[in-house]
Amino acid sequence: MTSEKELELQERLLREREVELRLREMESNIHATDAAFHQTVKHQPENSQKPWVKKAILGGKLFALGVVALVAVRIASVLAGFIIVGALGWMSYKLFLESKKTNL
């Protein structure tokens, strides 16, 4: 029975030493002075467009936006003209034609 206890004690001491050794190894890895240094580089896509192509695309978008704005203004002015002519016609009818029919 004593040999069993001695054996368990030796196993426990051996496990403790292994744990201590592992902890020392991990600590030495953490505090290593010759840590590797990696220089970072900004990613540059290989098929990047040339600057003039980007400017041409931007110019095309601006031109298209101008054309859309011009068309929208033209449509709005035509609609406004129809509304104004309709309102004037309705007011003229109310003022001049409708009042003559009620007086007769």
C-alpha atoms as a PDB file:
ATOM      1  CA  MET A   1       0.000   0.000   0.000  1.00  0.00           C
ATOM      2  CA  THR A   2       2.834   2.364   0.689  1.00  0.00           C
ATOM      3  CA  SER A   3       4.303   1.661  -2.689  1.00  0.00           C
ATOM      4  CA  GLU A   4       0.976   2.610  -4.267  1.00  0.00           C
ATOM      5  CA  LYS A   5       0.967   5.935  -2.435  1.00  0.00           C
ATOM      6  CA  GLU A   6       4.597   6.539  -3.347  1.00  0.00           C
ATOM      7  CA  LEU A   7       3.831   5.748  -6.963  1.00  0.00           C
ATOM      8  CA  GLU A   8       0.884   8.180  -6.989  1.00  0.00           C
ATOM      9  CA  LEU A   9       3.048  10.838  -5.346  1.00  0.00           C
ATOM     10  CA  GLN A  10       5.796  10.365  -7.947  1.00  0.00           C
ATOM     11  CA  GLU A  11       3.219  10.524 -10.786  1.00  0.00           C
ATOM     12  CA  ARG A  12       1.766  13.695  -9.342  1.00  0.00           C
ATOM     13  CA  LEU A  13       5.216  15.285  -9.001  1.00  0.00           C
ATOM     14  CA  LEU A  14       6.057  14.246 -12.548  1.00  0.00           C
ATOM     15  CA  ARG A  15       2.841  15.824 -13.871  1.00  0.00           C
ATOM     16  CA  GLU A  16       3.566  19.025 -11.928  1.00  0.00           C
ATOM     17  CA  ARG A  17       7.078  19.196 -13.401  1.00  0.00           C
ATOM     18  CA  GLU A  18       5.683  18.663 -16.896  1.00  0.00           C
ATOM     19  CA  VAL A  19       3.166  21.444 -16.355  1.00  0.00           C
ATOM     20  CA  GLU A  20       5.877  23.780 -15.042  1.00  0.00           C
ATOM     21  CA  LEU A  21       8.097  22.948 -17.994  1.00  0.00           C
ATOM     22  CA  ARG A  22       5.238  23.635 -20.440  1.00  0.00           C
ATOM     23  CA  LEU A  23       4.497  26.947 -18.739  1.00  0.00           C
ATOM     24  CA  ARG A  24       8.167  27.982 -18.964  1.00  0.00           C
ATOM     25  CA  GLU A  25       8.242  27.082 -22.664  1.00  0.00           C
ATOM     26  CA  MET A  26       5.065  29.061 -23.319  1.00  0.00           C
ATOM     27  CA  GLU A  27       6.400  32.044 -21.372  1.00  0.00           C
ATOM     28  CA  SER A  28       9.673  31.986 -23.290  1.00  0.00           C
ATOM     29  CA  ASN A  29       7.709  31.908 -26.571  1.00  0.00           C
ATOM     30  CA  ILE A  30       5.626  34.866 -25.471  1.00  0.00           C
ATOM     31  CA  HIS A  31       8.604  36.970 -24.409  1.00  0.00           C
ATOM     32  CA  ALA A  32      10.851  36.067 -27.313  1.00  0.00           C
ATOM     33  CA  THR A  33      13.026  39.023 -28.259  1.00  0.00           C
ATOM     34  CA  ASP A  34      13.532  37.939 -31.844  1.00  0.00           C
ATOM     35  CA  ALA A  35       9.868  38.147 -32.824  1.00  0.00           C
ATOM     36  CA  ALA A  36       9.311  38.129 -36.564  1.00  0.00           C
ATOM     37  CA  PHE A  37       8.460  41.490 -38.124  1.00  0.00           C
ATOM     38  CA  HIS A  38       6.296  41.485 -41.234  1.00  0.00           C
ATOM     39  CA  GLN A  39       6.054  44.599 -43.375  1.00  0.00           C
ATOM     40  CA  THR A  40       2.530  45.211 -44.626  1.00  0.00           C
ATOM     41  CA  VAL A  41       1.888  46.374 -48.174  1.00  0.00           C
ATOM     42  CA  LYS A  42      -1.250  47.974 -49.553  1.00  0.00           C
ATOM     43  CA  HIS A  43      -3.060  45.661 -51.938  1.00  0.00           C
ATOM     44  CA  GLN A  44      -2.788  46.800 -55.556  1.00  0.00           C
ATOM     45  CA  PRO A  45      -5.068  44.965 -57.973  1.00  0.00           C
ATOM     46  CA  GLU A  46      -3.238  43.887 -61.096  1.00  0.00           C
ATOM     47  CA  ASN A  47      -5.959  44.958 -63.514  1.00  0.00           C
ATOM     48  CA  SER A  48      -6.470  48.434 -62.057  1.00  0.00           C
ATOM     49  CA  GLN A  49      -7.813  50.982 -64.528  1.00  0.00           C
ATOM     50  CA  LYS A  50      -5.706  53.855 -65.731  1.00  0.00           C
ATOM     51  CA  PRO A  51      -6.511  57.299 -64.257  1.00  0.00           C
ATOM     52  CA  TRP A  52      -7.808  58.692 -67.549  1.00  0.00           C
ATOM     53  CA  VAL A  53     -10.299  55.833 -67.852  1.00  0.00           C
ATOM     54  CA  LYS A  54     -11.695  56.652 -64.410  1.00  0.00           C
ATOM     55  CA  LYS A  55     -11.956  60.326 -65.367  1.00  0.00           C
ATOM     56  CA  ALA A  56     -13.675  59.446 -68.654  1.00  0.00           C
ATOM     57  CA  ILE A  57     -16.219  57.296 -66.816  1.00  0.00           C
ATOM     58  CA  LEU A  58     -16.842  60.084 -64.302  1.00  0.00           C
ATOM     59  CA  GLY A  59     -17.262  62.593 -67.148  1.00  0.00           C
ATOM     60  CA  GLY A  60     -19.735  60.289 -68.889  1.00  0.00           C
ATOM     61  CA  LYS A  61     -21.774  59.956 -65.704  1.00  0.00           C
ATOM     62  CA  LEU A  62     -21.804  63.735 -65.263  1.00  0.00           C
ATOM     63  CA  PHE A  63     -22.896  64.234 -68.885  1.00  0.00           C
ATOM     64  CA  ALA A  64     -25.700  61.679 -68.484  1.00  0.00           C
ATOM     65  CA  LEU A  65     -26.848  63.405 -65.297  1.00  0.00           C
ATOM     66  CA  GLY A  66     -26.951  66.731 -67.154  1.00  0.00           C
ATOM     67  CA  VAL A  67     -29.005  65.243 -69.991  1.00  0.00           C
ATOM     68  CA  VAL A  68     -31.460  63.696 -67.522  1.00  0.00           C
ATOM     69  CA  ALA A  69     -31.800  67.026 -65.689  1.00  0.00           C
ATOM     70  CA  LEU A  70     -32.399  68.884 -68.976  1.00  0.00           C
ATOM     71  CA  VAL A  71     -35.086  66.404 -70.053  1.00  0.00           C
ATOM     72  CA  ALA A  72     -36.753  66.631 -66.646  1.00  0.00           C
ATOM     73  CA  VAL A  73     -36.843  70.446 -66.842  1.00  0.00           C
ATOM     74  CA  ARG A  74     -38.335  70.310 -70.366  1.00  0.00           C
ATOM     75  CA  ILE A  75     -41.046  67.870 -69.284  1.00  0.00           C
ATOM     76  CA  ALA A  76     -41.817  69.955 -66.191  1.00  0.00           C
ATOM     77  CA  SER A  77     -42.083  73.144 -68.254  1.00  0.00           C
ATOM     78  CA  VAL A  78     -44.471  71.503 -70.755  1.00  0.00           C
ATOM     79  CA  LEU A  79     -46.647  70.182 -67.921  1.00  0.00           C
ATOM     80  CA  ALA A  80     -46.604  73.577 -66.237  1.00  0.00           C
ATOM     81  CA  GLY A  81     -47.679  75.188 -69.532  1.00  0.00           C
ATOM     82  CA  PHE A  82     -50.611  72.760 -69.874  1.00  0.00           C
ATOM     83  CA  ILE A  83     -51.658  73.452 -66.282  1.00  0.00           C
ATOM     84  CA  ILE A  84     -51.442  77.233 -66.755  1.00  0.00           C
ATOM     85  CA  VAL A  85     -53.401  77.174 -70.042  1.00  0.00           C
ATOM     86  CA  GLY A  86     -56.010  74.876 -68.481  1.00  0.00           C
ATOM     87  CA  ALA A  87     -56.343  77.088 -65.410  1.00  0.00           C
ATOM     88  CA  LEU A  88     -56.707  80.225 -67.557  1.00  0.00           C
ATOM     89  CA  GLY A  89     -59.314  78.521 -69.731  1.00  0.00           C
ATOM     90  CA  TRP A  90     -61.298  77.321 -66.733  1.00  0.00           C
ATOM     91  CA  MET A  91     -61.168  80.788 -65.112  1.00  0.00           C
ATOM     92  CA  SER A  92     -62.235  82.444 -68.359  1.00  0.00           C
ATOM     93  CA  TYR A  93     -65.167  80.046 -68.669  1.00  0.00           C
ATOM     94  CA  LYS A  94     -66.214  80.714 -65.067  1.00  0.00           C
ATOM     95  CA  LEU A  95     -65.906  84.494 -65.384  1.00  0.00           C
ATOM     96  CA  PHE A  96     -67.306  85.162 -68.838  1.00  0.00           C
ATOM     97  CA  LEU A  97     -69.347  82.286 -70.191  1.00  0.00           C
ATOM     98  CA  GLU A  98     -71.007  80.865 -67.107  1.00  0.00           C
ATOM     99  CA  SER A  99     -72.206  84.215 -65.725  1.00  0.00           C
ATOM    100  CA  LYS A 100     -73.918  85.134 -69.045  1.00  0.00           C
ATOM    101  CA  LYS A 101     -75.937  81.929 -69.009  1.00  0.00           C
ATOM    102  CA  THR A 102     -77.277  82.605 -65.498  1.00  0.00           C
ATOM    103  CA  ASN A 103     -78.293  86.204 -66.340  1.00  0.00           C
ATOM    104  CA  LEU A 104     -80.467  85.151 -69.286  1.00  0.00           C
END
